[in-house]
N, C-alpha and C. Protein backbone atom coordinates (compact mmCIF):
# COMPACT_ATOMS: atom_id res chain seq x y z
N MET A 1 51.24 61.91 -247.17
CA MET A 1 52.47 61.88 -247.18
C MET A 1 52.27 59.72 -246.83
N ASN A 2 52.75 58.88 -248.06
CA ASN A 2 52.78 58.02 -247.57
C ASN A 2 54.88 58.34 -246.90
N ILE A 3 54.76 57.18 -246.32
CA ILE A 3 56.19 56.43 -245.30
C ILE A 3 56.59 55.56 -244.97
N THR A 4 57.55 54.49 -245.77
CA THR A 4 57.66 53.16 -245.20
C THR A 4 59.14 53.96 -243.67
N PHE A 5 58.55 52.61 -243.18
CA PHE A 5 59.59 51.99 -241.79
C PHE A 5 59.22 50.72 -241.95
N ALA A 6 60.53 50.13 -240.93
CA ALA A 6 60.62 48.84 -241.06
C ALA A 6 60.20 48.73 -239.22
N ALA A 7 59.93 47.91 -238.79
CA ALA A 7 59.83 46.67 -237.80
C ALA A 7 59.74 45.58 -237.43
N ASP A 8 60.04 45.15 -236.54
CA ASP A 8 60.15 43.81 -236.55
C ASP A 8 58.65 42.51 -237.14
N ASP A 9 59.08 41.53 -236.99
CA ASP A 9 57.45 41.24 -237.17
C ASP A 9 56.61 41.71 -235.99
N ASP A 10 57.15 40.76 -234.68
CA ASP A 10 56.74 40.62 -233.90
C ASP A 10 56.07 41.61 -232.72
N VAL A 11 56.65 42.63 -233.60
CA VAL A 11 56.54 43.66 -232.60
C VAL A 11 54.88 44.86 -233.71
N VAL A 12 55.05 44.71 -234.97
CA VAL A 12 53.97 45.05 -235.34
C VAL A 12 52.32 44.18 -235.72
N LYS A 13 52.77 42.38 -235.09
CA LYS A 13 50.99 41.11 -234.97
C LYS A 13 51.01 41.96 -233.31
N THR A 14 51.85 42.41 -232.19
CA THR A 14 51.51 42.82 -231.10
C THR A 14 50.13 44.03 -231.20
N VAL A 15 51.23 44.84 -231.95
CA VAL A 15 50.48 46.75 -232.25
C VAL A 15 49.56 45.77 -232.66
N ARG A 16 49.60 45.85 -233.78
CA ARG A 16 47.62 45.62 -235.26
C ARG A 16 46.62 45.20 -233.96
N LYS A 17 47.25 44.08 -232.90
CA LYS A 17 45.89 43.27 -231.43
C LYS A 17 45.67 44.65 -231.38
N ILE A 18 46.60 45.27 -230.58
CA ILE A 18 45.97 46.64 -229.80
C ILE A 18 45.52 47.46 -230.79
N ALA A 19 45.92 47.48 -231.71
CA ALA A 19 44.85 48.76 -232.80
C ALA A 19 43.53 48.43 -233.59
N ILE A 20 43.20 46.71 -233.35
CA ILE A 20 42.11 45.41 -233.71
C ILE A 20 41.42 46.37 -232.45
N ASP A 21 41.06 46.55 -230.89
CA ASP A 21 41.31 46.75 -229.87
C ASP A 21 40.75 47.67 -229.70
N ARG A 22 41.61 49.09 -230.48
CA ARG A 22 40.92 50.27 -229.57
C ARG A 22 40.01 50.56 -231.20
N ASP A 23 39.59 49.54 -232.02
CA ASP A 23 39.03 50.00 -233.33
C ASP A 23 39.63 50.79 -233.75
N THR A 24 40.75 50.83 -234.40
CA THR A 24 41.52 51.39 -235.66
C THR A 24 43.02 50.82 -236.39
N THR A 25 43.73 51.10 -237.07
CA THR A 25 44.50 50.36 -237.29
C THR A 25 45.72 50.73 -237.30
N LEU A 26 46.97 49.63 -237.63
CA LEU A 26 48.01 50.53 -237.19
C LEU A 26 48.81 51.91 -237.81
N ALA A 27 47.91 51.75 -239.37
CA ALA A 27 48.44 53.46 -239.38
C ALA A 27 47.81 54.54 -238.74
N GLY A 28 46.96 54.01 -238.09
CA GLY A 28 45.95 55.49 -238.11
C GLY A 28 46.58 55.69 -236.14
N MET A 29 46.90 54.08 -235.57
CA MET A 29 47.81 54.56 -234.70
C MET A 29 48.84 54.92 -234.44
N LEU A 30 49.24 54.52 -235.83
CA LEU A 30 50.54 55.23 -236.39
C LEU A 30 50.58 57.18 -236.10
N ARG A 31 49.26 57.21 -236.42
CA ARG A 31 48.95 58.51 -236.66
C ARG A 31 48.23 59.74 -236.89
N GLU A 32 48.87 59.40 -235.51
CA GLU A 32 48.03 59.59 -234.26
C GLU A 32 48.79 59.77 -233.42
N CYS A 33 50.35 58.99 -232.48
CA CYS A 33 51.08 59.29 -231.86
C CYS A 33 51.92 59.85 -233.08
N LEU A 34 52.39 60.70 -233.91
CA LEU A 34 53.13 61.48 -234.45
C LEU A 34 52.24 62.59 -234.55
N ASN A 35 50.68 62.67 -234.45
CA ASN A 35 49.91 63.79 -234.19
C ASN A 35 50.68 64.31 -232.21
N GLN A 36 50.61 63.73 -232.05
CA GLN A 36 51.11 63.73 -230.69
C GLN A 36 52.20 64.88 -229.83
N ILE A 37 52.82 63.69 -230.97
CA ILE A 37 54.77 64.06 -230.16
C ILE A 37 55.00 65.67 -231.07
N ALA A 38 53.77 66.23 -232.50
CA ALA A 38 54.34 67.63 -233.03
C ALA A 38 53.27 68.00 -232.16
N ALA A 39 52.89 68.44 -231.15
CA ALA A 39 51.76 68.41 -230.79
C ALA A 39 52.53 68.77 -230.34
N SER A 40 52.93 67.85 -228.91
CA SER A 40 54.32 68.24 -227.75
C SER A 40 54.77 68.84 -227.57
N ALA A 41 55.74 68.87 -229.53
CA ALA A 41 57.15 69.80 -229.40
C ALA A 41 57.01 71.06 -229.24
N GLY A 42 55.72 71.25 -230.21
CA GLY A 42 55.91 72.69 -229.94
C GLY A 42 55.30 73.92 -228.47
N THR A 43 54.68 72.86 -227.18
CA THR A 43 54.13 73.58 -226.48
C THR A 43 55.61 73.32 -225.62
N GLU A 44 56.33 72.39 -225.58
CA GLU A 44 58.16 72.29 -225.20
C GLU A 44 58.15 72.84 -225.65
N ALA A 45 59.29 73.48 -226.45
CA ALA A 45 59.26 74.24 -227.19
C ALA A 45 59.16 76.06 -226.53
N ALA A 46 58.00 76.31 -225.46
CA ALA A 46 57.51 77.45 -225.10
C ALA A 46 58.12 77.28 -223.11
N GLU A 47 57.26 76.45 -223.57
CA GLU A 47 57.62 75.84 -221.67
C GLU A 47 59.55 75.91 -222.05
N ARG A 48 60.05 75.54 -222.31
CA ARG A 48 61.63 75.78 -223.10
C ARG A 48 62.08 77.06 -222.54
N LYS A 49 60.88 78.23 -223.69
CA LYS A 49 61.34 79.57 -223.70
C LYS A 49 60.67 80.18 -222.38
N ARG A 50 60.15 79.45 -221.97
CA ARG A 50 59.79 80.18 -220.29
C ARG A 50 60.33 80.10 -219.70
N GLN A 51 61.06 78.69 -218.93
CA GLN A 51 61.99 78.59 -217.93
C GLN A 51 63.18 79.61 -218.50
N GLN A 52 63.76 80.02 -219.70
CA GLN A 52 64.76 80.47 -220.03
C GLN A 52 64.35 81.75 -219.45
N LEU A 53 63.67 82.12 -219.78
CA LEU A 53 63.06 83.28 -220.04
C LEU A 53 62.96 83.89 -218.36
N GLU A 54 62.89 82.85 -217.81
CA GLU A 54 62.00 82.94 -215.48
C GLU A 54 63.74 83.17 -215.33
N ALA A 55 64.37 82.48 -215.32
CA ALA A 55 66.41 81.87 -215.43
C ALA A 55 66.63 83.56 -215.95
N LEU A 56 66.89 84.25 -216.97
CA LEU A 56 67.55 85.66 -217.21
C LEU A 56 67.16 86.19 -216.46
N GLU A 57 65.80 86.03 -216.02
CA GLU A 57 65.51 87.43 -215.43
C GLU A 57 65.38 87.70 -213.50
N ARG A 58 65.10 85.80 -213.53
CA ARG A 58 66.52 85.87 -212.02
C ARG A 58 68.15 86.39 -212.08
N SER A 59 68.11 85.80 -212.72
CA SER A 59 70.41 86.52 -212.81
C SER A 59 69.56 88.04 -212.96
N PHE A 60 68.81 89.06 -213.77
CA PHE A 60 68.82 89.82 -213.71
C PHE A 60 68.80 90.57 -211.77
N GLU A 61 67.58 90.03 -211.46
CA GLU A 61 67.68 90.30 -210.29
C GLU A 61 68.62 90.70 -209.32
N GLU A 62 69.38 88.70 -208.84
CA GLU A 62 70.82 88.48 -208.22
C GLU A 62 71.40 89.42 -208.34
N HIS A 63 71.51 89.83 -209.36
CA HIS A 63 73.24 90.70 -209.98
C HIS A 63 73.44 92.02 -209.72
N LYS A 64 72.39 92.93 -209.24
CA LYS A 64 71.83 94.03 -210.23
C LYS A 64 72.79 95.32 -210.66
N PHE A 65 73.59 95.77 -210.38
CA PHE A 65 74.19 97.01 -210.67
C PHE A 65 73.74 97.98 -210.53
N TYR A 66 74.24 98.91 -209.73
CA TYR A 66 74.32 100.08 -210.25
C TYR A 66 75.52 101.54 -209.90
N GLY A 67 75.55 101.90 -210.92
CA GLY A 67 76.42 102.49 -211.56
C GLY A 67 76.66 103.73 -212.01
N GLY A 68 76.08 104.51 -210.18
CA GLY A 68 76.02 106.11 -209.98
C GLY A 68 74.55 106.74 -211.21
N PRO A 69 74.98 107.88 -210.61
CA PRO A 69 73.90 108.75 -212.17
C PRO A 69 74.24 109.01 -213.58
N HIS A 70 74.18 108.81 -214.11
CA HIS A 70 74.07 109.34 -215.15
C HIS A 70 75.01 111.06 -215.25
N THR A 71 76.00 111.00 -215.63
CA THR A 71 76.73 112.57 -215.39
C THR A 71 76.72 113.07 -217.70
N TRP A 72 76.31 111.72 -218.25
CA TRP A 72 76.52 111.74 -219.34
C TRP A 72 75.41 112.77 -220.36
N ARG A 73 75.06 112.96 -222.04
CA ARG A 73 73.88 112.52 -222.66
C ARG A 73 74.07 111.00 -223.59
N ARG A 74 73.40 111.02 -223.92
CA ARG A 74 73.16 110.79 -224.76
C ARG A 74 73.88 110.79 -226.04
N ALA A 75 73.97 112.51 -226.75
CA ALA A 75 74.40 112.69 -227.95
C ALA A 75 76.55 112.96 -227.71
N ASP A 76 76.77 112.75 -226.03
CA ASP A 76 77.86 112.89 -225.80
C ASP A 76 78.38 111.58 -226.23
N LEU A 77 77.67 110.46 -226.06
CA LEU A 77 77.93 109.16 -226.00
C LEU A 77 78.36 108.98 -228.12
N TYR A 78 77.51 110.26 -229.07
CA TYR A 78 77.79 109.40 -230.13
C TYR A 78 78.44 110.91 -231.13
N ASP A 79 78.57 111.79 -229.86
CA ASP A 79 79.81 112.81 -230.94
C ASP A 79 80.80 112.40 -231.78
N ARG A 80 80.99 112.90 -232.87
CA ARG A 80 82.19 111.65 -233.81
C ARG A 80 83.14 112.46 -233.55
N SER A 81 83.33 114.36 -234.06
CA SER A 81 84.06 114.48 -233.73
C SER A 81 84.80 115.41 -233.08
N GLN A 82 85.55 115.82 -233.91
CA GLN A 82 87.23 115.40 -233.49
C GLN A 82 87.29 116.69 -232.44
N LYS A 83 87.93 116.41 -231.54
CA LYS A 83 88.07 117.49 -230.26
C LYS A 83 89.81 118.29 -229.27
């Protein structure tokens, strides 16, 4: 896919010189940068999800609640007949 963007002339000149030093092109550097951003986005999302799960598990441990023994049956909970 081709994209067009605007950047200051001084920035483009500087980055082109860096690209030459790295034996690549400006487009190649931009492509690599975008690939790194896309790759890190997936790992950041996975890390965020892991942290949220750990926080949820900690909150379950911190706020233990014991409601006593079950004196009901599952069928009793769903009994819709009129008594």
